Amino acid sequence: MQNLKLNADLVAGLLFAAFGAWFGASSIFGLSLGTAFRMGPGFFPALVGGLLFALGLVIALKGWRAEHETLDLATVPWRAVILFPVGLTLFGLSMRPLGLIIALLVLCLCSSMAVKGMSAIRAVILSLAVTVLCIGIFSVGLGLDLPLLGDWLR
């Protein structure tokens, strides 16, 4: 029996396939799909989930067939692995009570601090610039009704 080699393509492909299957299944079983000519709210998420699942299988198959390039856990950027999901979670949790401005600042600060070699001053400047850009695009440009200040700050 051949030993399973854990490499980056195999792990990434399996993660893509798992997320695609989860999103696709949750939209198929939880939302109305409709038809191709009269799409329901679950049609597009199911389509994207299916495409992500297929892409994940292709990438995992490429990783499975790789002859070498095993994953060394010492080279994994653990700071980024931890801070990116923390930033996304904090964004989701702070959007309603604190609003878009604070939620975007928190997300951008967590994400920029995940980059190796990023100084605190550069992270703050980058976070402010991205926040202003996102507010300009989504609130002003697209006219989305996103609360800039949340319930706790009004």
N, C-alpha and C. Protein backbone atom coordinates (compact mmCIF):
# COMPACT_ATOMS: atom_id res chain seq x y z
N MET A 1 0.84 -1.18 0.00
CA MET A 1 0.00 0.00 0.00
C MET A 1 0.89 1.24 0.00
N GLN A 2 0.53 2.21 -0.82
CA GLN A 2 1.33 3.43 -0.96
C GLN A 2 1.02 4.40 0.18
N ASN A 3 2.06 5.03 0.72
CA ASN A 3 1.86 6.02 1.77
C ASN A 3 1.28 7.30 1.16
N LEU A 4 0.36 7.91 1.86
CA LEU A 4 -0.24 9.16 1.39
C LEU A 4 0.71 10.31 1.69
N LYS A 5 1.07 11.04 0.64
CA LYS A 5 1.95 12.19 0.80
C LYS A 5 1.09 13.45 0.90
N LEU A 6 1.28 14.19 1.94
CA LEU A 6 0.53 15.42 2.15
C LEU A 6 1.28 16.57 1.50
N ASN A 7 0.72 17.12 0.41
CA ASN A 7 1.35 18.28 -0.21
C ASN A 7 0.32 19.40 -0.31
N ALA A 8 0.79 20.57 -0.70
CA ALA A 8 -0.07 21.75 -0.69
C ALA A 8 -1.23 21.62 -1.67
N ASP A 9 -1.01 21.05 -2.85
CA ASP A 9 -2.09 20.91 -3.82
C ASP A 9 -3.18 19.96 -3.31
N LEU A 10 -2.78 18.88 -2.69
CA LEU A 10 -3.76 17.93 -2.17
C LEU A 10 -4.61 18.56 -1.08
N VAL A 11 -3.96 19.25 -0.15
CA VAL A 11 -4.70 19.88 0.95
C VAL A 11 -5.61 20.99 0.44
N ALA A 12 -5.09 21.84 -0.45
CA ALA A 12 -5.90 22.94 -0.99
C ALA A 12 -7.07 22.40 -1.80
N GLY A 13 -6.84 21.38 -2.60
CA GLY A 13 -7.92 20.79 -3.40
C GLY A 13 -9.00 20.18 -2.54
N LEU A 14 -8.61 19.49 -1.49
CA LEU A 14 -9.61 18.91 -0.60
C LEU A 14 -10.40 19.99 0.14
N LEU A 15 -9.73 21.07 0.52
CA LEU A 15 -10.45 22.17 1.17
C LEU A 15 -11.42 22.84 0.20
N PHE A 16 -11.00 23.08 -1.04
CA PHE A 16 -11.90 23.65 -2.05
C PHE A 16 -13.10 22.75 -2.27
N ALA A 17 -12.84 21.45 -2.40
CA ALA A 17 -13.93 20.51 -2.64
C ALA A 17 -14.89 20.47 -1.45
N ALA A 18 -14.35 20.53 -0.23
CA ALA A 18 -15.21 20.51 0.95
C ALA A 18 -16.08 21.77 1.03
N PHE A 19 -15.47 22.94 0.80
CA PHE A 19 -16.25 24.18 0.83
C PHE A 19 -17.27 24.21 -0.30
N GLY A 20 -16.89 23.76 -1.49
CA GLY A 20 -17.82 23.73 -2.61
C GLY A 20 -18.99 22.80 -2.34
N ALA A 21 -18.70 21.63 -1.77
CA ALA A 21 -19.78 20.69 -1.45
C ALA A 21 -20.70 21.26 -0.38
N TRP A 22 -20.11 21.92 0.62
CA TRP A 22 -20.94 22.48 1.70
C TRP A 22 -21.84 23.60 1.18
N PHE A 23 -21.27 24.54 0.42
CA PHE A 23 -22.08 25.63 -0.11
C PHE A 23 -23.10 25.14 -1.12
N GLY A 24 -22.68 24.23 -1.98
CA GLY A 24 -23.62 23.69 -2.97
C GLY A 24 -24.77 22.94 -2.31
N ALA A 25 -24.45 22.09 -1.35
CA ALA A 25 -25.50 21.32 -0.68
C ALA A 25 -26.42 22.22 0.15
N SER A 26 -25.84 23.21 0.83
CA SER A 26 -26.70 24.09 1.63
C SER A 26 -27.62 24.92 0.77
N SER A 27 -27.18 25.29 -0.43
CA SER A 27 -28.07 26.06 -1.31
C SER A 27 -29.09 25.16 -1.99
N ILE A 28 -28.71 23.94 -2.31
CA ILE A 28 -29.66 23.01 -2.93
C ILE A 28 -30.76 22.62 -1.96
N PHE A 29 -30.38 22.29 -0.73
CA PHE A 29 -31.36 21.81 0.25
C PHE A 29 -32.05 22.93 1.01
N GLY A 30 -31.48 24.12 1.03
CA GLY A 30 -32.05 25.19 1.83
C GLY A 30 -32.75 26.29 1.04
N LEU A 31 -32.49 26.37 -0.26
CA LEU A 31 -33.06 27.44 -1.07
C LEU A 31 -33.73 26.87 -2.31
N SER A 32 -34.60 27.64 -2.89
CA SER A 32 -35.26 27.23 -4.12
C SER A 32 -34.33 27.46 -5.30
N LEU A 33 -34.13 26.43 -6.13
CA LEU A 33 -33.23 26.55 -7.27
C LEU A 33 -33.88 27.24 -8.47
N GLY A 34 -35.13 26.93 -8.74
CA GLY A 34 -35.78 27.47 -9.92
C GLY A 34 -35.30 26.76 -11.17
N THR A 35 -35.36 27.43 -12.31
CA THR A 35 -34.88 26.87 -13.58
C THR A 35 -33.81 27.80 -14.14
N ALA A 36 -33.23 27.38 -15.26
CA ALA A 36 -32.18 28.20 -15.87
C ALA A 36 -32.73 29.52 -16.41
N PHE A 37 -34.01 29.52 -16.81
CA PHE A 37 -34.61 30.74 -17.33
C PHE A 37 -35.26 31.59 -16.24
N ARG A 38 -35.62 30.98 -15.14
CA ARG A 38 -36.22 31.69 -14.01
C ARG A 38 -35.52 31.21 -12.74
N MET A 39 -34.35 31.78 -12.53
CA MET A 39 -33.49 31.33 -11.44
C MET A 39 -34.04 31.71 -10.07
N GLY A 40 -33.92 30.78 -9.15
CA GLY A 40 -34.29 31.04 -7.78
C GLY A 40 -33.07 31.51 -6.99
N PRO A 41 -33.25 31.80 -5.71
CA PRO A 41 -32.13 32.32 -4.91
C PRO A 41 -31.02 31.30 -4.68
N GLY A 42 -31.28 30.02 -4.87
CA GLY A 42 -30.25 29.01 -4.65
C GLY A 42 -29.52 28.57 -5.90
N PHE A 43 -29.93 29.08 -7.06
CA PHE A 43 -29.34 28.63 -8.31
C PHE A 43 -27.86 29.01 -8.43
N PHE A 44 -27.57 30.27 -8.25
CA PHE A 44 -26.18 30.73 -8.42
C PHE A 44 -25.25 30.17 -7.34
N PRO A 45 -25.64 30.16 -6.05
CA PRO A 45 -24.75 29.53 -5.06
C PRO A 45 -24.51 28.05 -5.33
N ALA A 46 -25.54 27.34 -5.81
CA ALA A 46 -25.36 25.93 -6.13
C ALA A 46 -24.40 25.76 -7.30
N LEU A 47 -24.51 26.62 -8.29
CA LEU A 47 -23.62 26.56 -9.45
C LEU A 47 -22.18 26.86 -9.04
N VAL A 48 -21.98 27.90 -8.26
CA VAL A 48 -20.63 28.25 -7.81
C VAL A 48 -20.07 27.17 -6.90
N GLY A 49 -20.90 26.62 -6.01
CA GLY A 49 -20.46 25.52 -5.15
C GLY A 49 -20.05 24.30 -5.95
N GLY A 50 -20.81 23.97 -6.99
CA GLY A 50 -20.46 22.85 -7.84
C GLY A 50 -19.16 23.08 -8.60
N LEU A 51 -18.97 24.30 -9.10
CA LEU A 51 -17.72 24.62 -9.80
C LEU A 51 -16.53 24.58 -8.84
N LEU A 52 -16.71 25.07 -7.62
CA LEU A 52 -15.64 25.03 -6.63
C LEU A 52 -15.31 23.59 -6.25
N PHE A 53 -16.34 22.76 -6.13
CA PHE A 53 -16.13 21.34 -5.84
C PHE A 53 -15.34 20.67 -6.95
N ALA A 54 -15.72 20.92 -8.22
CA ALA A 54 -15.02 20.32 -9.36
C ALA A 54 -13.57 20.81 -9.43
N LEU A 55 -13.37 22.12 -9.22
CA LEU A 55 -12.01 22.67 -9.23
C LEU A 55 -11.17 22.04 -8.11
N GLY A 56 -11.77 21.87 -6.95
CA GLY A 56 -11.07 21.25 -5.83
C GLY A 56 -10.66 19.82 -6.14
N LEU A 57 -11.55 19.08 -6.81
CA LEU A 57 -11.19 17.70 -7.17
C LEU A 57 -10.04 17.66 -8.17
N VAL A 58 -10.05 18.58 -9.14
CA VAL A 58 -8.96 18.63 -10.12
C VAL A 58 -7.64 18.96 -9.43
N ILE A 59 -7.64 19.92 -8.53
CA ILE A 59 -6.41 20.31 -7.83
C ILE A 59 -5.95 19.18 -6.90
N ALA A 60 -6.89 18.52 -6.21
CA ALA A 60 -6.53 17.41 -5.33
C ALA A 60 -5.96 16.25 -6.12
N LEU A 61 -6.51 15.98 -7.30
CA LEU A 61 -5.99 14.91 -8.15
C LEU A 61 -4.57 15.22 -8.60
N LYS A 62 -4.33 16.49 -8.93
CA LYS A 62 -2.96 16.90 -9.29
C LYS A 62 -2.00 16.68 -8.11
N GLY A 63 -2.45 17.03 -6.91
CA GLY A 63 -1.62 16.82 -5.73
C GLY A 63 -1.43 15.35 -5.40
N TRP A 64 -2.44 14.54 -5.65
CA TRP A 64 -2.37 13.11 -5.39
C TRP A 64 -1.34 12.44 -6.30
N ARG A 65 -1.27 12.92 -7.56
CA ARG A 65 -0.38 12.32 -8.54
C ARG A 65 1.04 12.86 -8.47
N ALA A 66 1.28 13.86 -7.65
CA ALA A 66 2.61 14.46 -7.56
C ALA A 66 3.61 13.44 -7.00
N GLU A 67 4.78 13.41 -7.59
CA GLU A 67 5.80 12.45 -7.19
C GLU A 67 6.52 12.87 -5.90
N HIS A 68 6.69 14.15 -5.72
CA HIS A 68 7.43 14.64 -4.56
C HIS A 68 6.78 15.93 -4.08
N GLU A 69 7.48 16.73 -3.36
CA GLU A 69 7.01 17.98 -2.79
C GLU A 69 6.03 17.72 -1.64
N THR A 70 6.56 17.11 -0.59
CA THR A 70 5.75 16.90 0.60
C THR A 70 5.66 18.20 1.38
N LEU A 71 4.58 18.36 2.12
CA LEU A 71 4.33 19.58 2.87
C LEU A 71 5.11 19.54 4.17
N ASP A 72 5.93 20.54 4.37
CA ASP A 72 6.68 20.66 5.62
C ASP A 72 5.94 21.64 6.50
N LEU A 73 5.50 21.19 7.66
CA LEU A 73 4.70 22.04 8.54
C LEU A 73 5.49 23.23 9.09
N ALA A 74 6.80 23.18 9.01
CA ALA A 74 7.61 24.32 9.48
C ALA A 74 7.53 25.49 8.52
N THR A 75 7.17 25.24 7.26
CA THR A 75 7.09 26.33 6.28
C THR A 75 5.70 26.93 6.16
N VAL A 76 4.74 26.41 6.89
CA VAL A 76 3.38 26.94 6.85
C VAL A 76 3.35 28.29 7.55
N PRO A 77 2.79 29.33 6.92
CA PRO A 77 2.72 30.65 7.57
C PRO A 77 1.60 30.66 8.62
N TRP A 78 1.91 30.21 9.81
CA TRP A 78 0.90 30.02 10.86
C TRP A 78 0.23 31.33 11.26
N ARG A 79 0.98 32.41 11.23
CA ARG A 79 0.39 33.71 11.58
C ARG A 79 -0.74 34.05 10.63
N ALA A 80 -0.54 33.82 9.34
CA ALA A 80 -1.58 34.08 8.35
C ALA A 80 -2.73 33.09 8.48
N VAL A 81 -2.41 31.83 8.75
CA VAL A 81 -3.46 30.81 8.89
C VAL A 81 -4.39 31.16 10.05
N ILE A 82 -3.85 31.76 11.09
CA ILE A 82 -4.66 32.12 12.26
C ILE A 82 -5.34 33.47 12.08
N LEU A 83 -4.61 34.48 11.60
CA LEU A 83 -5.15 35.83 11.57
C LEU A 83 -6.19 36.07 10.47
N PHE A 84 -6.11 35.40 9.33
CA PHE A 84 -7.12 35.60 8.29
C PHE A 84 -8.51 35.14 8.75
N PRO A 85 -8.66 33.92 9.27
CA PRO A 85 -10.00 33.55 9.77
C PRO A 85 -10.46 34.39 10.97
N VAL A 86 -9.51 34.80 11.82
CA VAL A 86 -9.88 35.66 12.95
C VAL A 86 -10.41 36.99 12.44
N GLY A 87 -9.76 37.57 11.43
CA GLY A 87 -10.22 38.83 10.85
C GLY A 87 -11.60 38.71 10.23
N LEU A 88 -11.83 37.63 9.49
CA LEU A 88 -13.15 37.41 8.88
C LEU A 88 -14.23 37.21 9.93
N THR A 89 -13.90 36.47 10.98
CA THR A 89 -14.87 36.25 12.06
C THR A 89 -15.18 37.55 12.78
N LEU A 90 -14.15 38.33 13.08
CA LEU A 90 -14.38 39.61 13.74
C LEU A 90 -15.17 40.57 12.86
N PHE A 91 -14.94 40.53 11.54
CA PHE A 91 -15.73 41.35 10.62
C PHE A 91 -17.20 40.97 10.70
N GLY A 92 -17.48 39.69 10.65
CA GLY A 92 -18.87 39.23 10.72
C GLY A 92 -19.52 39.57 12.04
N LEU A 93 -18.78 39.44 13.13
CA LEU A 93 -19.35 39.72 14.45
C LEU A 93 -19.51 41.21 14.73
N SER A 94 -18.66 42.05 14.12
CA SER A 94 -18.70 43.47 14.43
C SER A 94 -19.49 44.30 13.42
N MET A 95 -19.94 43.72 12.35
CA MET A 95 -20.63 44.48 11.31
C MET A 95 -21.91 45.13 11.84
N ARG A 96 -22.75 44.37 12.48
CA ARG A 96 -24.03 44.92 12.96
C ARG A 96 -23.85 45.85 14.17
N PRO A 97 -23.12 45.44 15.20
CA PRO A 97 -23.04 46.34 16.36
C PRO A 97 -22.14 47.56 16.16
N LEU A 98 -21.09 47.46 15.34
CA LEU A 98 -20.15 48.56 15.20
C LEU A 98 -20.21 49.26 13.84
N GLY A 99 -20.75 48.60 12.83
CA GLY A 99 -20.89 49.22 11.51
C GLY A 99 -19.76 48.87 10.56
N LEU A 100 -19.93 49.32 9.32
CA LEU A 100 -19.01 48.97 8.25
C LEU A 100 -17.61 49.55 8.47
N ILE A 101 -17.53 50.76 8.97
CA ILE A 101 -16.22 51.41 9.12
C ILE A 101 -15.33 50.62 10.08
N ILE A 102 -15.84 50.34 11.26
CA ILE A 102 -15.04 49.63 12.27
C ILE A 102 -14.79 48.19 11.83
N ALA A 103 -15.80 47.54 11.25
CA ALA A 103 -15.64 46.15 10.81
C ALA A 103 -14.56 46.03 9.74
N LEU A 104 -14.56 46.96 8.79
CA LEU A 104 -13.53 46.93 7.75
C LEU A 104 -12.14 47.23 8.31
N LEU A 105 -12.07 48.16 9.24
CA LEU A 105 -10.77 48.46 9.86
C LEU A 105 -10.22 47.24 10.59
N VAL A 106 -11.08 46.55 11.33
CA VAL A 106 -10.65 45.35 12.07
C VAL A 106 -10.20 44.26 11.10
N LEU A 107 -10.98 44.04 10.05
CA LEU A 107 -10.63 43.02 9.06
C LEU A 107 -9.30 43.35 8.39
N CYS A 108 -9.13 44.59 7.97
CA CYS A 108 -7.89 44.97 7.28
C CYS A 108 -6.69 44.93 8.21
N LEU A 109 -6.86 45.33 9.46
CA LEU A 109 -5.75 45.26 10.41
C LEU A 109 -5.32 43.82 10.66
N CYS A 110 -6.28 42.93 10.87
CA CYS A 110 -5.93 41.52 11.08
C CYS A 110 -5.25 40.94 9.85
N SER A 111 -5.78 41.24 8.69
CA SER A 111 -5.21 40.69 7.46
C SER A 111 -3.82 41.24 7.18
N SER A 112 -3.63 42.53 7.39
CA SER A 112 -2.32 43.10 7.11
C SER A 112 -1.27 42.67 8.13
N MET A 113 -1.68 42.43 9.36
CA MET A 113 -0.73 41.96 10.36
C MET A 113 -0.36 40.49 10.14
N ALA A 114 -1.11 39.80 9.30
CA ALA A 114 -0.77 38.41 8.98
C ALA A 114 0.40 38.33 8.02
N VAL A 115 0.69 39.44 7.34
CA VAL A 115 1.80 39.47 6.39
C VAL A 115 3.11 39.63 7.16
N LYS A 116 4.06 38.77 6.85
CA LYS A 116 5.35 38.82 7.54
C LYS A 116 6.09 40.10 7.16
N GLY A 117 6.60 40.82 8.14
CA GLY A 117 7.36 42.02 7.89
C GLY A 117 6.53 43.29 7.83
N MET A 118 5.24 43.21 8.07
CA MET A 118 4.37 44.39 8.03
C MET A 118 4.50 45.14 9.36
N SER A 119 4.82 46.42 9.27
CA SER A 119 4.91 47.23 10.48
C SER A 119 3.52 47.71 10.87
N ALA A 120 3.37 48.12 12.11
CA ALA A 120 2.07 48.58 12.61
C ALA A 120 1.62 49.85 11.89
N ILE A 121 2.54 50.75 11.61
CA ILE A 121 2.18 52.00 10.94
C ILE A 121 1.70 51.72 9.51
N ARG A 122 2.43 50.87 8.79
CA ARG A 122 1.99 50.51 7.43
C ARG A 122 0.65 49.79 7.46
N ALA A 123 0.42 48.94 8.47
CA ALA A 123 -0.85 48.23 8.57
C ALA A 123 -2.01 49.19 8.80
N VAL A 124 -1.81 50.20 9.63
CA VAL A 124 -2.86 51.19 9.90
C VAL A 124 -3.13 52.02 8.65
N ILE A 125 -2.08 52.47 7.96
CA ILE A 125 -2.27 53.27 6.74
C ILE A 125 -2.97 52.45 5.67
N LEU A 126 -2.55 51.22 5.48
CA LEU A 126 -3.18 50.35 4.49
C LEU A 126 -4.64 50.07 4.85
N SER A 127 -4.91 49.83 6.12
CA SER A 127 -6.28 49.57 6.57
C SER A 127 -7.19 50.78 6.36
N LEU A 128 -6.69 51.96 6.66
CA LEU A 128 -7.47 53.18 6.43
C LEU A 128 -7.76 53.37 4.94
N ALA A 129 -6.75 53.15 4.10
CA ALA A 129 -6.93 53.33 2.66
C ALA A 129 -7.94 52.33 2.10
N VAL A 130 -7.84 51.07 2.50
CA VAL A 130 -8.78 50.06 2.01
C VAL A 130 -10.19 50.33 2.52
N THR A 131 -10.32 50.78 3.76
CA THR A 131 -11.63 51.10 4.31
C THR A 131 -12.28 52.25 3.55
N VAL A 132 -11.52 53.30 3.29
CA VAL A 132 -12.06 54.43 2.52
C VAL A 132 -12.45 53.99 1.12
N LEU A 133 -11.62 53.17 0.49
CA LEU A 133 -11.91 52.67 -0.85
C LEU A 133 -13.18 51.81 -0.86
N CYS A 134 -13.32 50.92 0.10
CA CYS A 134 -14.51 50.05 0.17
C CYS A 134 -15.78 50.85 0.44
N ILE A 135 -15.70 51.83 1.32
CA ILE A 135 -16.87 52.68 1.57
C ILE A 135 -17.22 53.47 0.32
N GLY A 136 -16.21 53.96 -0.38
CA GLY A 136 -16.47 54.67 -1.62
C GLY A 136 -17.12 53.79 -2.67
N ILE A 137 -16.66 52.56 -2.78
CA ILE A 137 -17.21 51.66 -3.80
C ILE A 137 -18.61 51.19 -3.42
N PHE A 138 -18.77 50.64 -2.21
CA PHE A 138 -20.02 49.99 -1.85
C PHE A 138 -21.11 50.95 -1.39
N SER A 139 -20.77 51.91 -0.56
CA SER A 139 -21.80 52.82 -0.04
C SER A 139 -22.10 53.96 -1.01
N VAL A 140 -21.06 54.60 -1.53
CA VAL A 140 -21.27 55.75 -2.41
C VAL A 140 -21.50 55.31 -3.85
N GLY A 141 -20.58 54.52 -4.39
CA GLY A 141 -20.66 54.14 -5.80
C GLY A 141 -21.83 53.24 -6.13
N LEU A 142 -21.98 52.15 -5.39
CA LEU A 142 -23.06 51.20 -5.66
C LEU A 142 -24.35 51.53 -4.93
N GLY A 143 -24.27 52.40 -3.96
CA GLY A 143 -25.46 52.81 -3.23
C GLY A 143 -26.05 51.74 -2.33
N LEU A 144 -25.22 50.81 -1.86
CA LEU A 144 -25.72 49.77 -0.95
C LEU A 144 -26.03 50.37 0.41
N ASP A 145 -27.08 49.90 1.00
CA ASP A 145 -27.53 50.44 2.28
C ASP A 145 -26.84 49.69 3.42
N LEU A 146 -25.55 49.91 3.56
CA LEU A 146 -24.79 49.30 4.63
C LEU A 146 -24.59 50.34 5.73
N PRO A 147 -24.88 49.97 6.97
CA PRO A 147 -24.72 50.96 8.04
C PRO A 147 -23.25 51.27 8.29
N LEU A 148 -22.88 52.55 8.14
CA LEU A 148 -21.50 52.94 8.38
C LEU A 148 -21.17 52.89 9.87
N LEU A 149 -22.12 53.26 10.69
CA LEU A 149 -21.99 53.14 12.14
C LEU A 149 -23.06 52.17 12.63
N GLY A 150 -22.66 51.27 13.51
CA GLY A 150 -23.57 50.23 13.96
C GLY A 150 -24.50 50.69 15.06
N ASP A 151 -25.26 49.73 15.56
CA ASP A 151 -26.25 50.00 16.60
C ASP A 151 -25.63 50.53 17.89
N TRP A 152 -24.43 50.05 18.23
CA TRP A 152 -23.80 50.47 19.47
C TRP A 152 -23.26 51.89 19.40
N LEU A 153 -23.02 52.41 18.21
CA LEU A 153 -22.38 53.72 18.07
C LEU A 153 -23.36 54.82 17.68
N ARG A 154 -24.63 54.50 17.56
CA ARG A 154 -25.62 55.53 17.20
C ARG A 154 -26.18 56.18 18.42
